[in-house]
Every structure is written in structure tokens, then in C-alpha cells.
Amino acid sequence: MEWLIQFPVLLFSIIFHEFAHGATAYRKGDDTAHLSGRLTLNPLPHIDPIGSVLIPAICVMSHFPVIGWAKPVPINPMRMPRPRRDMALVAMSGPASNIFLAILALLTYKVFALGFMGGDLTLTLLKLCSWGIIINLLLAMFNLIPVYPLDGSQIALGFLPDKWLDIYEKHLPYGMYIVLGLVVTGAIQGLIRPFLGVSLFFLDKLGIVIVI
């Protein structure tokens, strides 16, 4: 029943992720997300049937921490001063927002670990913070995979030398199928688990004992 804690954490995290994209684009001069009503933390405009429902359900059934994505915010790179490079910065803001939430959950964990609340309530809050750390680390790692439509692909498009772009762009029409294949086959776990393991190792050294 851990998914009852995981899913609300995931939903808020992916919405905050998309909000960060829209806010960064807005600061760069593109108000498309704002005009379309997507520069909001209201979950309804952000729900994506595949990323917000199907993928989390697959994760629950495979006993893997839930990951997913929200409906991408509309962004017009041509309204930014440096479209290619600015789009890379917009893409980076998504994983950066999840790292921020992971750090916030970590700090909150340290506060609740002081045990000034009741035992059962403290345990529940520590679980909530633990999943906040894990899910946001997973989201950051997942979205940094350089496969379209994940943020890593936009970062790659923004910073790859021109001579490599033509080769890299050949995968774009098949990117979504590649991502779904990685999730359905479980290969995504093999990509993410080593990085998650290193992160949890360092958290343990900081005295953060993940409660799940």
C-alpha cells in the first residue's frame, strides 16, 4: 500500500517539474505556458494519461518506485533570444526542480526525525519524506536520460556540436517508443538503480536512514 504515499508525492513532483519548465521559459521571454493556463500548480491541466496514470501503474505492479511525467507545458523557443541554448536551460530546470524538492524533503526529514510528534505520526511523516527524496531523485535521473521526449534530449540538442546533431536527431520520431520499451521491459531500472544506489549511499553517510 506504499503507493498511497508514493502517488501524491509523484503527482506534486511532476507538476512542480512542469511548472519549473514554464516558469523558466517565461523568464526567458516565452509566455506561451502562461497564456495557455499551464503556469499553475493546479494538477488538472497537467495530467497526462500515459505519464501520469499508465507508467505509475506499471511501476506499482512491478514493485518499482513510481515514476512518470505530466503533460508537457507548451513552449515556443522562437520567442526566446537564443532558442537552442535557452530550450536546453528550460529542459534542465525540470530535473533541477526535482533535485530541489529532494533536498527540501531531506531537510524536512531531519526535522521530523527529532521525534517531537507521536510515534505513528512521525513514522508516517518520515515515510512521506523518504519517498519525497527517492521519487524526486528518480525523476531527475529519469528525465536526464537523453532520449526524446525526456529533458535529457533537449539538453543534448542544446549543447551537442552541430556535426553530431544530424545523427542524434534520427532517434526523435521513435523516442517515445524507446522510453515505453525501457519502462515496460524493466531496462529503465538497470539504468537508474546504480545512480540511485550511489545517492542513497551518500544519504546514509549524512545520517538519513530512508524509511519505506
N, C-alpha and C. Protein backbone atom coordinates (compact mmCIF):
# COMPACT_ATOMS: atom_id res chain seq x y z
N MET A 1 0.81 -1.22 0.00
CA MET A 1 0.00 0.00 0.00
C MET A 1 0.85 1.27 0.00
N GLU A 2 2.15 1.09 -0.18
CA GLU A 2 3.04 2.26 -0.19
C GLU A 2 2.66 3.24 -1.30
N TRP A 3 1.98 2.74 -2.34
CA TRP A 3 1.62 3.63 -3.45
C TRP A 3 0.67 4.74 -3.01
N LEU A 4 -0.05 4.52 -1.89
CA LEU A 4 -0.93 5.57 -1.38
C LEU A 4 -0.14 6.79 -0.92
N ILE A 5 1.11 6.57 -0.53
CA ILE A 5 2.00 7.68 -0.20
C ILE A 5 2.75 8.14 -1.45
N GLN A 6 3.20 7.17 -2.25
CA GLN A 6 4.02 7.48 -3.41
C GLN A 6 3.29 8.33 -4.44
N PHE A 7 2.02 7.97 -4.74
CA PHE A 7 1.33 8.64 -5.83
C PHE A 7 1.13 10.14 -5.60
N PRO A 8 0.66 10.58 -4.41
CA PRO A 8 0.54 12.03 -4.20
C PRO A 8 1.89 12.75 -4.30
N VAL A 9 2.94 12.10 -3.79
CA VAL A 9 4.28 12.69 -3.90
C VAL A 9 4.68 12.82 -5.36
N LEU A 10 4.43 11.75 -6.13
CA LEU A 10 4.76 11.78 -7.56
C LEU A 10 3.97 12.86 -8.27
N LEU A 11 2.66 12.93 -8.01
CA LEU A 11 1.81 13.89 -8.71
C LEU A 11 2.29 15.32 -8.47
N PHE A 12 2.55 15.66 -7.21
CA PHE A 12 3.04 17.01 -6.93
C PHE A 12 4.39 17.25 -7.59
N SER A 13 5.26 16.25 -7.55
CA SER A 13 6.62 16.41 -8.07
C SER A 13 6.64 16.63 -9.57
N ILE A 14 5.81 15.88 -10.32
CA ILE A 14 5.83 16.05 -11.78
C ILE A 14 5.14 17.35 -12.18
N ILE A 15 4.16 17.78 -11.40
CA ILE A 15 3.52 19.07 -11.68
C ILE A 15 4.49 20.21 -11.40
N PHE A 16 5.21 20.12 -10.31
CA PHE A 16 6.22 21.13 -9.98
C PHE A 16 7.31 21.15 -11.04
N HIS A 17 7.64 19.98 -11.56
CA HIS A 17 8.62 19.84 -12.64
C HIS A 17 8.17 20.63 -13.88
N GLU A 18 6.92 20.42 -14.29
CA GLU A 18 6.42 21.13 -15.48
C GLU A 18 6.27 22.62 -15.20
N PHE A 19 5.84 22.97 -14.00
CA PHE A 19 5.75 24.38 -13.62
C PHE A 19 7.12 25.05 -13.76
N ALA A 20 8.18 24.33 -13.35
CA ALA A 20 9.54 24.88 -13.46
C ALA A 20 9.91 25.14 -14.91
N HIS A 21 9.53 24.22 -15.80
CA HIS A 21 9.77 24.44 -17.23
C HIS A 21 9.10 25.73 -17.69
N GLY A 22 7.81 25.85 -17.36
CA GLY A 22 7.05 27.02 -17.80
C GLY A 22 7.59 28.31 -17.21
N ALA A 23 7.97 28.28 -15.93
CA ALA A 23 8.49 29.48 -15.27
C ALA A 23 9.82 29.91 -15.88
N THR A 24 10.68 28.93 -16.20
CA THR A 24 11.97 29.26 -16.81
C THR A 24 11.77 29.84 -18.21
N ALA A 25 10.87 29.24 -18.98
CA ALA A 25 10.58 29.77 -20.31
C ALA A 25 10.02 31.19 -20.20
N TYR A 26 9.17 31.43 -19.21
CA TYR A 26 8.59 32.76 -19.00
C TYR A 26 9.68 33.78 -18.72
N ARG A 27 10.65 33.38 -17.89
CA ARG A 27 11.77 34.29 -17.57
C ARG A 27 12.64 34.54 -18.80
N LYS A 28 12.64 33.58 -19.71
CA LYS A 28 13.43 33.74 -20.93
C LYS A 28 12.68 34.49 -22.03
N GLY A 29 11.44 34.89 -21.75
CA GLY A 29 10.69 35.70 -22.71
C GLY A 29 9.53 35.01 -23.39
N ASP A 30 9.30 33.72 -23.09
CA ASP A 30 8.19 33.00 -23.73
C ASP A 30 7.04 32.84 -22.73
N ASP A 31 5.92 33.49 -23.02
CA ASP A 31 4.77 33.43 -22.12
C ASP A 31 3.70 32.45 -22.61
N THR A 32 4.06 31.51 -23.50
CA THR A 32 3.09 30.55 -24.04
C THR A 32 2.42 29.73 -22.95
N ALA A 33 3.22 29.21 -22.02
CA ALA A 33 2.65 28.41 -20.93
C ALA A 33 1.70 29.24 -20.08
N HIS A 34 2.07 30.49 -19.83
CA HIS A 34 1.23 31.38 -19.03
C HIS A 34 -0.10 31.64 -19.74
N LEU A 35 -0.04 31.94 -21.03
CA LEU A 35 -1.26 32.26 -21.79
C LEU A 35 -2.17 31.05 -21.94
N SER A 36 -1.60 29.84 -21.91
CA SER A 36 -2.41 28.62 -22.07
C SER A 36 -2.91 28.07 -20.74
N GLY A 37 -2.64 28.81 -19.64
CA GLY A 37 -3.12 28.40 -18.34
C GLY A 37 -2.34 27.27 -17.71
N ARG A 38 -1.10 27.03 -18.19
CA ARG A 38 -0.31 25.93 -17.67
C ARG A 38 0.73 26.38 -16.65
N LEU A 39 0.85 27.68 -16.41
CA LEU A 39 1.81 28.16 -15.42
C LEU A 39 1.10 28.16 -14.06
N THR A 40 0.76 26.95 -13.60
CA THR A 40 -0.03 26.78 -12.38
C THR A 40 0.35 25.47 -11.72
N LEU A 41 0.12 25.38 -10.40
CA LEU A 41 0.33 24.13 -9.68
C LEU A 41 -0.95 23.31 -9.55
N ASN A 42 -2.04 23.80 -10.17
CA ASN A 42 -3.28 23.03 -10.23
C ASN A 42 -3.02 21.76 -11.04
N PRO A 43 -3.27 20.57 -10.48
CA PRO A 43 -2.91 19.33 -11.19
C PRO A 43 -3.71 19.06 -12.46
N LEU A 44 -4.96 19.50 -12.54
CA LEU A 44 -5.83 19.10 -13.64
C LEU A 44 -5.29 19.43 -15.03
N PRO A 45 -4.75 20.63 -15.28
CA PRO A 45 -4.26 20.91 -16.64
C PRO A 45 -3.00 20.12 -17.00
N HIS A 46 -2.36 19.48 -16.01
CA HIS A 46 -1.08 18.84 -16.25
C HIS A 46 -1.16 17.32 -16.42
N ILE A 47 -2.33 16.72 -16.12
CA ILE A 47 -2.43 15.25 -16.13
C ILE A 47 -2.25 14.71 -17.55
N ASP A 48 -1.36 13.72 -17.68
CA ASP A 48 -1.12 13.03 -18.95
C ASP A 48 -1.53 11.56 -18.77
N PRO A 49 -2.40 11.02 -19.64
CA PRO A 49 -2.90 9.65 -19.44
C PRO A 49 -1.78 8.61 -19.36
N ILE A 50 -0.75 8.77 -20.16
CA ILE A 50 0.34 7.78 -20.15
C ILE A 50 1.30 8.04 -18.99
N GLY A 51 1.85 9.25 -18.95
CA GLY A 51 2.89 9.54 -17.96
C GLY A 51 2.38 9.68 -16.54
N SER A 52 1.12 10.13 -16.37
CA SER A 52 0.59 10.35 -15.02
C SER A 52 -0.25 9.20 -14.50
N VAL A 53 -0.65 8.27 -15.39
CA VAL A 53 -1.52 7.17 -14.98
C VAL A 53 -0.90 5.81 -15.33
N LEU A 54 -0.64 5.57 -16.65
CA LEU A 54 -0.19 4.26 -17.11
C LEU A 54 1.18 3.89 -16.55
N ILE A 55 2.16 4.78 -16.71
CA ILE A 55 3.52 4.48 -16.27
C ILE A 55 3.59 4.28 -14.75
N PRO A 56 2.96 5.16 -13.94
CA PRO A 56 2.95 4.90 -12.50
C PRO A 56 2.31 3.56 -12.14
N ALA A 57 1.24 3.18 -12.88
CA ALA A 57 0.57 1.90 -12.60
C ALA A 57 1.51 0.74 -12.90
N ILE A 58 2.27 0.83 -14.00
CA ILE A 58 3.24 -0.21 -14.34
C ILE A 58 4.31 -0.31 -13.26
N CYS A 59 4.74 0.84 -12.75
CA CYS A 59 5.76 0.85 -11.69
C CYS A 59 5.23 0.18 -10.43
N VAL A 60 3.97 0.46 -10.08
CA VAL A 60 3.38 -0.15 -8.88
C VAL A 60 3.32 -1.67 -9.05
N MET A 61 2.87 -2.13 -10.24
CA MET A 61 2.74 -3.57 -10.48
C MET A 61 4.09 -4.27 -10.52
N SER A 62 5.15 -3.56 -10.91
CA SER A 62 6.48 -4.16 -10.97
C SER A 62 7.27 -3.92 -9.69
N HIS A 63 6.60 -3.36 -8.66
CA HIS A 63 7.22 -3.11 -7.35
C HIS A 63 8.45 -2.21 -7.45
N PHE A 64 8.34 -1.22 -8.35
CA PHE A 64 9.40 -0.22 -8.50
C PHE A 64 8.82 1.12 -8.07
N PRO A 65 9.60 1.96 -7.39
CA PRO A 65 9.06 3.28 -7.00
C PRO A 65 8.43 3.99 -8.19
N VAL A 66 7.26 4.60 -7.97
CA VAL A 66 6.53 5.19 -9.08
C VAL A 66 7.27 6.37 -9.69
N ILE A 67 7.39 6.35 -11.01
CA ILE A 67 7.91 7.47 -11.76
C ILE A 67 6.94 7.76 -12.90
N GLY A 68 7.05 8.91 -13.49
CA GLY A 68 6.16 9.27 -14.58
C GLY A 68 6.39 10.70 -14.99
N TRP A 69 5.45 11.26 -15.71
CA TRP A 69 5.58 12.64 -16.14
C TRP A 69 4.20 13.25 -16.33
N ALA A 70 4.15 14.56 -16.34
CA ALA A 70 2.90 15.28 -16.61
C ALA A 70 2.89 15.72 -18.07
N LYS A 71 1.76 16.25 -18.51
CA LYS A 71 1.65 16.76 -19.87
C LYS A 71 2.65 17.91 -20.05
N PRO A 72 3.50 17.84 -21.08
CA PRO A 72 4.50 18.90 -21.26
C PRO A 72 3.84 20.27 -21.42
N VAL A 73 4.43 21.28 -20.79
CA VAL A 73 3.91 22.64 -20.97
C VAL A 73 4.25 23.13 -22.37
N PRO A 74 3.36 23.87 -23.02
CA PRO A 74 3.67 24.40 -24.35
C PRO A 74 4.73 25.49 -24.27
N ILE A 75 5.74 25.36 -25.10
CA ILE A 75 6.84 26.31 -25.11
C ILE A 75 7.18 26.65 -26.55
N ASN A 76 7.37 27.93 -26.82
CA ASN A 76 7.75 28.38 -28.17
C ASN A 76 9.18 28.91 -28.10
N PRO A 77 10.15 28.09 -28.52
CA PRO A 77 11.55 28.52 -28.41
C PRO A 77 11.87 29.76 -29.24
N MET A 78 11.08 30.02 -30.28
CA MET A 78 11.37 31.17 -31.15
C MET A 78 11.06 32.50 -30.46
N ARG A 79 10.43 32.44 -29.29
CA ARG A 79 10.18 33.66 -28.53
C ARG A 79 11.29 33.95 -27.52
N MET A 80 12.31 33.10 -27.54
CA MET A 80 13.46 33.29 -26.65
C MET A 80 14.63 33.85 -27.45
N PRO A 81 15.51 34.58 -26.80
CA PRO A 81 16.61 35.23 -27.53
C PRO A 81 17.59 34.24 -28.16
N ARG A 82 17.86 33.11 -27.48
CA ARG A 82 18.77 32.09 -28.02
C ARG A 82 18.02 30.76 -28.00
N PRO A 83 17.18 30.47 -29.00
CA PRO A 83 16.24 29.35 -28.94
C PRO A 83 16.86 28.01 -28.55
N ARG A 84 17.93 27.63 -29.21
CA ARG A 84 18.51 26.30 -28.94
C ARG A 84 19.08 26.21 -27.53
N ARG A 85 19.89 27.17 -27.14
CA ARG A 85 20.51 27.14 -25.82
C ARG A 85 19.49 27.39 -24.71
N ASP A 86 18.53 28.30 -24.96
CA ASP A 86 17.52 28.58 -23.95
C ASP A 86 16.60 27.39 -23.71
N MET A 87 16.30 26.62 -24.78
CA MET A 87 15.49 25.42 -24.61
C MET A 87 16.21 24.39 -23.75
N ALA A 88 17.53 24.32 -23.88
CA ALA A 88 18.31 23.42 -23.03
C ALA A 88 18.21 23.84 -21.57
N LEU A 89 18.24 25.15 -21.32
CA LEU A 89 18.12 25.65 -19.95
C LEU A 89 16.71 25.39 -19.40
N VAL A 90 15.70 25.56 -20.25
CA VAL A 90 14.33 25.24 -19.84
C VAL A 90 14.23 23.76 -19.48
N ALA A 91 14.85 22.90 -20.29
CA ALA A 91 14.83 21.46 -20.02
C ALA A 91 15.53 21.14 -18.70
N MET A 92 16.67 21.77 -18.44
CA MET A 92 17.42 21.50 -17.22
C MET A 92 16.66 21.91 -15.97
N SER A 93 15.78 22.91 -16.11
CA SER A 93 15.04 23.39 -14.93
C SER A 93 14.12 22.32 -14.35
N GLY A 94 13.67 21.37 -15.19
CA GLY A 94 12.79 20.30 -14.70
C GLY A 94 13.50 19.38 -13.71
N PRO A 95 14.58 18.70 -14.15
CA PRO A 95 15.34 17.88 -13.19
C PRO A 95 15.86 18.68 -12.00
N ALA A 96 16.26 19.94 -12.26
CA ALA A 96 16.75 20.78 -11.15
C ALA A 96 15.66 20.99 -10.11
N SER A 97 14.40 21.14 -10.56
CA SER A 97 13.30 21.33 -9.62
C SER A 97 13.10 20.08 -8.76
N ASN A 98 13.31 18.90 -9.36
CA ASN A 98 13.17 17.66 -8.58
C ASN A 98 14.31 17.49 -7.58
N ILE A 99 15.51 17.91 -7.96
CA ILE A 99 16.62 17.88 -7.01
C ILE A 99 16.33 18.83 -5.85
N PHE A 100 15.76 20.00 -6.17
CA PHE A 100 15.37 20.95 -5.12
C PHE A 100 14.36 20.32 -4.16
N LEU A 101 13.34 19.64 -4.71
CA LEU A 101 12.33 19.00 -3.86
C LEU A 101 12.94 17.88 -3.03
N ALA A 102 13.89 17.14 -3.61
CA ALA A 102 14.56 16.08 -2.86
C ALA A 102 15.32 16.65 -1.67
N ILE A 103 16.00 17.78 -1.89
CA ILE A 103 16.74 18.44 -0.80
C ILE A 103 15.77 18.95 0.25
N LEU A 104 14.64 19.52 -0.20
CA LEU A 104 13.62 20.01 0.74
C LEU A 104 13.06 18.87 1.57
N ALA A 105 12.80 17.72 0.92
CA ALA A 105 12.29 16.55 1.64
C ALA A 105 13.33 16.04 2.63
N LEU A 106 14.60 16.10 2.24
CA LEU A 106 15.69 15.67 3.12
C LEU A 106 15.74 16.54 4.39
N LEU A 107 15.66 17.85 4.20
CA LEU A 107 15.70 18.76 5.35
C LEU A 107 14.48 18.56 6.25
N THR A 108 13.31 18.34 5.62
CA THR A 108 12.10 18.10 6.40
C THR A 108 12.20 16.79 7.17
N TYR A 109 12.81 15.79 6.55
CA TYR A 109 13.06 14.50 7.20
C TYR A 109 13.86 14.71 8.49
N LYS A 110 14.93 15.52 8.39
CA LYS A 110 15.78 15.77 9.56
C LYS A 110 15.00 16.41 10.70
N VAL A 111 14.03 17.27 10.35
CA VAL A 111 13.21 17.93 11.37
C VAL A 111 12.29 16.91 12.04
N PHE A 112 11.57 16.10 11.23
CA PHE A 112 10.64 15.12 11.80
C PHE A 112 11.37 14.03 12.56
N ALA A 113 12.61 13.74 12.18
CA ALA A 113 13.38 12.69 12.85
C ALA A 113 13.71 13.06 14.30
N LEU A 114 13.52 14.31 14.65
CA LEU A 114 13.75 14.72 16.04
C LEU A 114 12.75 14.08 16.99
N GLY A 115 11.62 13.60 16.41
CA GLY A 115 10.66 12.82 17.18
C GLY A 115 9.80 13.62 18.13
N PHE A 116 9.48 14.86 17.80
CA PHE A 116 8.66 15.68 18.69
C PHE A 116 7.17 15.42 18.51
N MET A 117 6.81 14.53 17.56
CA MET A 117 5.42 14.16 17.37
C MET A 117 5.22 12.72 17.85
N GLY A 118 3.98 12.26 17.78
CA GLY A 118 3.69 10.88 18.18
C GLY A 118 4.41 9.88 17.32
N GLY A 119 4.64 8.67 17.84
CA GLY A 119 5.41 7.65 17.13
C GLY A 119 4.85 7.29 15.77
N ASP A 120 3.53 6.99 15.70
CA ASP A 120 2.92 6.60 14.43
C ASP A 120 2.93 7.75 13.43
N LEU A 121 2.62 8.95 13.90
CA LEU A 121 2.62 10.11 13.02
C LEU A 121 4.03 10.40 12.51
N THR A 122 5.01 10.29 13.39
CA THR A 122 6.40 10.52 12.98
C THR A 122 6.82 9.52 11.92
N LEU A 123 6.46 8.24 12.10
CA LEU A 123 6.81 7.22 11.12
C LEU A 123 6.18 7.51 9.76
N THR A 124 4.92 7.93 9.76
CA THR A 124 4.23 8.26 8.51
C THR A 124 4.90 9.44 7.81
N LEU A 125 5.25 10.46 8.59
CA LEU A 125 5.90 11.64 8.00
C LEU A 125 7.29 11.32 7.50
N LEU A 126 7.99 10.44 8.19
CA LEU A 126 9.32 10.03 7.72
C LEU A 126 9.21 9.23 6.42
N LYS A 127 8.17 8.41 6.32
CA LYS A 127 7.94 7.67 5.07
C LYS A 127 7.62 8.64 3.93
N LEU A 128 6.79 9.64 4.22
CA LEU A 128 6.44 10.63 3.22
C LEU A 128 7.69 11.37 2.72
N CYS A 129 8.54 11.78 3.65
CA CYS A 129 9.77 12.48 3.28
C CYS A 129 10.73 11.55 2.53
N SER A 130 10.80 10.29 2.98
CA SER A 130 11.68 9.32 2.32
C SER A 130 11.28 9.13 0.86
N TRP A 131 9.98 8.97 0.63
CA TRP A 131 9.52 8.82 -0.75
C TRP A 131 9.70 10.13 -1.52
N GLY A 132 9.59 11.26 -0.82
CA GLY A 132 9.86 12.54 -1.49
C GLY A 132 11.29 12.61 -1.99
N ILE A 133 12.22 12.08 -1.20
CA ILE A 133 13.63 12.05 -1.62
C ILE A 133 13.82 11.09 -2.78
N ILE A 134 13.34 9.85 -2.62
CA ILE A 134 13.58 8.81 -3.63
C ILE A 134 12.91 9.15 -4.95
N ILE A 135 11.62 9.52 -4.90
CA ILE A 135 10.88 9.78 -6.15
C ILE A 135 11.47 10.96 -6.90
N ASN A 136 11.85 12.01 -6.19
CA ASN A 136 12.41 13.16 -6.89
C ASN A 136 13.80 12.89 -7.44
N LEU A 137 14.59 12.08 -6.74
CA LEU A 137 15.87 11.66 -7.31
C LEU A 137 15.64 10.82 -8.56
N LEU A 138 14.67 9.90 -8.49
CA LEU A 138 14.35 9.07 -9.66
C LEU A 138 13.87 9.92 -10.83
N LEU A 139 13.01 10.89 -10.56
CA LEU A 139 12.50 11.75 -11.62
C LEU A 139 13.63 12.54 -12.28
N ALA A 140 14.55 13.05 -11.46
CA ALA A 140 15.67 13.80 -12.02
C ALA A 140 16.53 12.90 -12.90
N MET A 141 16.85 11.70 -12.41
CA MET A 141 17.68 10.77 -13.18
C MET A 141 16.95 10.31 -14.44
N PHE A 142 15.66 9.97 -14.29
CA PHE A 142 14.86 9.50 -15.42
C PHE A 142 14.80 10.55 -16.53
N ASN A 143 14.53 11.79 -16.14
CA ASN A 143 14.36 12.84 -17.15
C ASN A 143 15.68 13.28 -17.78
N LEU A 144 16.80 12.95 -17.16
CA LEU A 144 18.09 13.30 -17.73
C LEU A 144 18.57 12.28 -18.75
N ILE A 145 17.83 11.17 -18.91
CA ILE A 145 18.18 10.20 -19.96
C ILE A 145 18.02 10.91 -21.31
N PRO A 146 19.04 10.89 -22.16
CA PRO A 146 19.00 11.69 -23.40
C PRO A 146 18.20 11.05 -24.53
N VAL A 147 16.95 10.71 -24.25
CA VAL A 147 16.05 10.13 -25.25
C VAL A 147 14.80 10.99 -25.32
N TYR A 148 14.40 11.39 -26.52
CA TYR A 148 13.20 12.19 -26.71
C TYR A 148 11.98 11.39 -26.25
N PRO A 149 11.01 12.01 -25.53
CA PRO A 149 10.85 13.44 -25.25
C PRO A 149 11.37 13.86 -23.87
N LEU A 150 12.22 13.07 -23.25
CA LEU A 150 12.73 13.40 -21.92
C LEU A 150 13.63 14.64 -21.99
N ASP A 151 13.78 15.29 -20.85
CA ASP A 151 14.53 16.55 -20.81
C ASP A 151 15.97 16.38 -21.27
N GLY A 152 16.52 15.21 -21.03
CA GLY A 152 17.90 14.97 -21.47
C GLY A 152 18.09 15.16 -22.95
N SER A 153 17.03 14.90 -23.74
CA SER A 153 17.15 15.07 -25.20
C SER A 153 17.26 16.54 -25.56
N GLN A 154 16.49 17.41 -24.91
CA GLN A 154 16.56 18.84 -25.18
C GLN A 154 17.91 19.42 -24.73
N ILE A 155 18.43 18.88 -23.62
CA ILE A 155 19.74 19.33 -23.16
C ILE A 155 20.80 18.93 -24.18
N ALA A 156 20.69 17.70 -24.69
CA ALA A 156 21.64 17.24 -25.71
C ALA A 156 21.52 18.08 -26.98
N LEU A 157 20.30 18.37 -27.42
CA LEU A 157 20.09 19.18 -28.62
C LEU A 157 20.66 20.59 -28.45
N GLY A 158 20.66 21.06 -27.21
CA GLY A 158 21.15 22.41 -26.96
C GLY A 158 22.65 22.52 -26.91
N PHE A 159 23.32 21.43 -26.55
CA PHE A 159 24.76 21.53 -26.32
C PHE A 159 25.62 20.64 -27.22
N LEU A 160 25.01 19.70 -27.96
CA LEU A 160 25.80 18.87 -28.86
C LEU A 160 26.40 19.72 -29.98
N PRO A 161 27.62 19.41 -30.40
CA PRO A 161 28.18 20.11 -31.57
C PRO A 161 27.34 19.84 -32.81
N ASP A 162 27.31 20.79 -33.72
CA ASP A 162 26.46 20.66 -34.91
C ASP A 162 26.74 19.37 -35.69
N LYS A 163 27.99 18.92 -35.71
CA LYS A 163 28.32 17.74 -36.51
C LYS A 163 27.68 16.46 -35.96
N TRP A 164 27.25 16.48 -34.68
CA TRP A 164 26.61 15.31 -34.10
C TRP A 164 25.09 15.39 -34.11
N LEU A 165 24.55 16.56 -34.38
CA LEU A 165 23.10 16.74 -34.28
C LEU A 165 22.33 15.87 -35.26
N ASP A 166 22.77 15.82 -36.53
CA ASP A 166 22.05 15.03 -37.53
C ASP A 166 21.93 13.58 -37.13
N ILE A 167 23.00 13.04 -36.56
CA ILE A 167 22.98 11.64 -36.11
C ILE A 167 22.03 11.48 -34.93
N TYR A 168 22.15 12.38 -33.97
CA TYR A 168 21.33 12.28 -32.76
C TYR A 168 19.84 12.44 -33.07
N GLU A 169 19.50 13.36 -33.97
CA GLU A 169 18.10 13.66 -34.27
C GLU A 169 17.37 12.51 -34.96
N LYS A 170 18.08 11.52 -35.47
CA LYS A 170 17.44 10.41 -36.16
C LYS A 170 16.55 9.59 -35.23
N HIS A 171 16.81 9.65 -33.91
CA HIS A 171 16.01 8.84 -32.99
C HIS A 171 14.72 9.55 -32.56
N LEU A 172 14.59 10.84 -32.86
CA LEU A 172 13.47 11.62 -32.33
C LEU A 172 12.09 11.03 -32.65
N PRO A 173 11.82 10.57 -33.88
CA PRO A 173 10.48 10.02 -34.16
C PRO A 173 10.16 8.76 -33.37
N TYR A 174 11.18 8.09 -32.88
CA TYR A 174 10.97 6.82 -32.17
C TYR A 174 11.21 6.94 -30.66
N GLY A 175 11.47 8.16 -30.20
CA GLY A 175 11.84 8.35 -28.81
C GLY A 175 10.82 7.85 -27.82
N MET A 176 9.54 8.16 -28.03
CA MET A 176 8.50 7.73 -27.08
C MET A 176 8.44 6.21 -27.00
N TYR A 177 8.60 5.52 -28.14
CA TYR A 177 8.57 4.06 -28.13
C TYR A 177 9.78 3.51 -27.39
N ILE A 178 10.91 4.18 -27.51
CA ILE A 178 12.11 3.76 -26.79
C ILE A 178 11.89 3.89 -25.29
N VAL A 179 11.31 5.02 -24.86
CA VAL A 179 11.05 5.25 -23.43
C VAL A 179 10.08 4.21 -22.90
N LEU A 180 8.97 3.97 -23.62
CA LEU A 180 7.99 2.98 -23.18
C LEU A 180 8.62 1.59 -23.13
N GLY A 181 9.48 1.29 -24.10
CA GLY A 181 10.17 -0.01 -24.11
C GLY A 181 11.07 -0.17 -22.90
N LEU A 182 11.78 0.90 -22.55
CA LEU A 182 12.66 0.85 -21.38
C LEU A 182 11.87 0.60 -20.10
N VAL A 183 10.68 1.22 -20.00
CA VAL A 183 9.86 1.08 -18.79
C VAL A 183 9.22 -0.31 -18.74
N VAL A 184 8.58 -0.72 -19.84
CA VAL A 184 7.83 -1.99 -19.86
C VAL A 184 8.76 -3.18 -19.66
N THR A 185 9.96 -3.15 -20.25
CA THR A 185 10.89 -4.27 -20.13
C THR A 185 11.66 -4.27 -18.81
N GLY A 186 11.57 -3.16 -18.08
CA GLY A 186 12.31 -3.06 -16.83
C GLY A 186 13.74 -2.60 -17.01
N ALA A 187 14.14 -2.33 -18.26
CA ALA A 187 15.51 -1.89 -18.51
C ALA A 187 15.80 -0.55 -17.85
N ILE A 188 14.73 0.25 -17.66
CA ILE A 188 14.91 1.56 -17.03
C ILE A 188 15.47 1.41 -15.61
N GLN A 189 15.12 0.30 -14.95
CA GLN A 189 15.64 0.07 -13.61
C GLN A 189 17.15 -0.13 -13.63
N GLY A 190 17.62 -0.85 -14.64
CA GLY A 190 19.06 -1.07 -14.76
C GLY A 190 19.82 0.21 -15.01
N LEU A 191 19.19 1.17 -15.68
CA LEU A 191 19.83 2.46 -15.95
C LEU A 191 19.87 3.34 -14.71
N ILE A 192 18.78 3.30 -13.93
CA ILE A 192 18.63 4.24 -12.82
C ILE A 192 19.18 3.71 -11.50
N ARG A 193 19.02 2.42 -11.24
CA ARG A 193 19.38 1.86 -9.94
C ARG A 193 20.81 2.18 -9.49
N PRO A 194 21.83 2.09 -10.38
CA PRO A 194 23.19 2.41 -9.92
C PRO A 194 23.31 3.83 -9.38
N PHE A 195 22.71 4.79 -10.08
CA PHE A 195 22.77 6.19 -9.64
C PHE A 195 21.98 6.39 -8.34
N LEU A 196 20.83 5.70 -8.25
CA LEU A 196 20.04 5.79 -7.02
C LEU A 196 20.81 5.18 -5.85
N GLY A 197 21.48 4.06 -6.12
CA GLY A 197 22.27 3.42 -5.07
C GLY A 197 23.37 4.31 -4.54
N VAL A 198 24.06 5.01 -5.44
CA VAL A 198 25.11 5.94 -5.02
C VAL A 198 24.51 7.08 -4.19
N SER A 199 23.35 7.60 -4.63
CA SER A 199 22.70 8.68 -3.90
C SER A 199 22.30 8.24 -2.49
N LEU A 200 21.74 7.04 -2.38
CA LEU A 200 21.32 6.54 -1.08
C LEU A 200 22.53 6.26 -0.18
N PHE A 201 23.65 5.86 -0.78
CA PHE A 201 24.88 5.64 -0.01
C PHE A 201 25.32 6.94 0.66
N PHE A 202 25.31 8.03 -0.13
CA PHE A 202 25.73 9.31 0.43
C PHE A 202 24.71 9.83 1.45
N LEU A 203 23.42 9.55 1.22
CA LEU A 203 22.41 9.94 2.20
C LEU A 203 22.65 9.21 3.53
N ASP A 204 23.02 7.94 3.43
CA ASP A 204 23.32 7.17 4.64
C ASP A 204 24.49 7.78 5.39
N LYS A 205 25.49 8.26 4.65
CA LYS A 205 26.64 8.90 5.28
C LYS A 205 26.26 10.21 5.97
N LEU A 206 25.16 10.83 5.47
CA LEU A 206 24.67 12.06 6.09
C LEU A 206 23.74 11.78 7.27
N GLY A 207 23.52 10.50 7.54
CA GLY A 207 22.65 10.15 8.66
C GLY A 207 21.18 10.05 8.30
N ILE A 208 20.89 9.99 7.00
CA ILE A 208 19.49 9.87 6.54
C ILE A 208 19.20 8.39 6.30
N VAL A 209 18.41 7.79 7.19
CA VAL A 209 18.03 6.40 7.05
C VAL A 209 16.65 6.38 6.38
N ILE A 210 16.61 5.99 5.11
CA ILE A 210 15.37 6.03 4.35
C ILE A 210 14.36 5.05 4.95
N VAL A 211 13.17 5.57 5.26
CA VAL A 211 12.10 4.76 5.85
C VAL A 211 11.04 4.53 4.78
N ILE A 212 10.94 3.27 4.28
CA ILE A 212 9.94 2.97 3.26
C ILE A 212 9.25 1.66 3.61
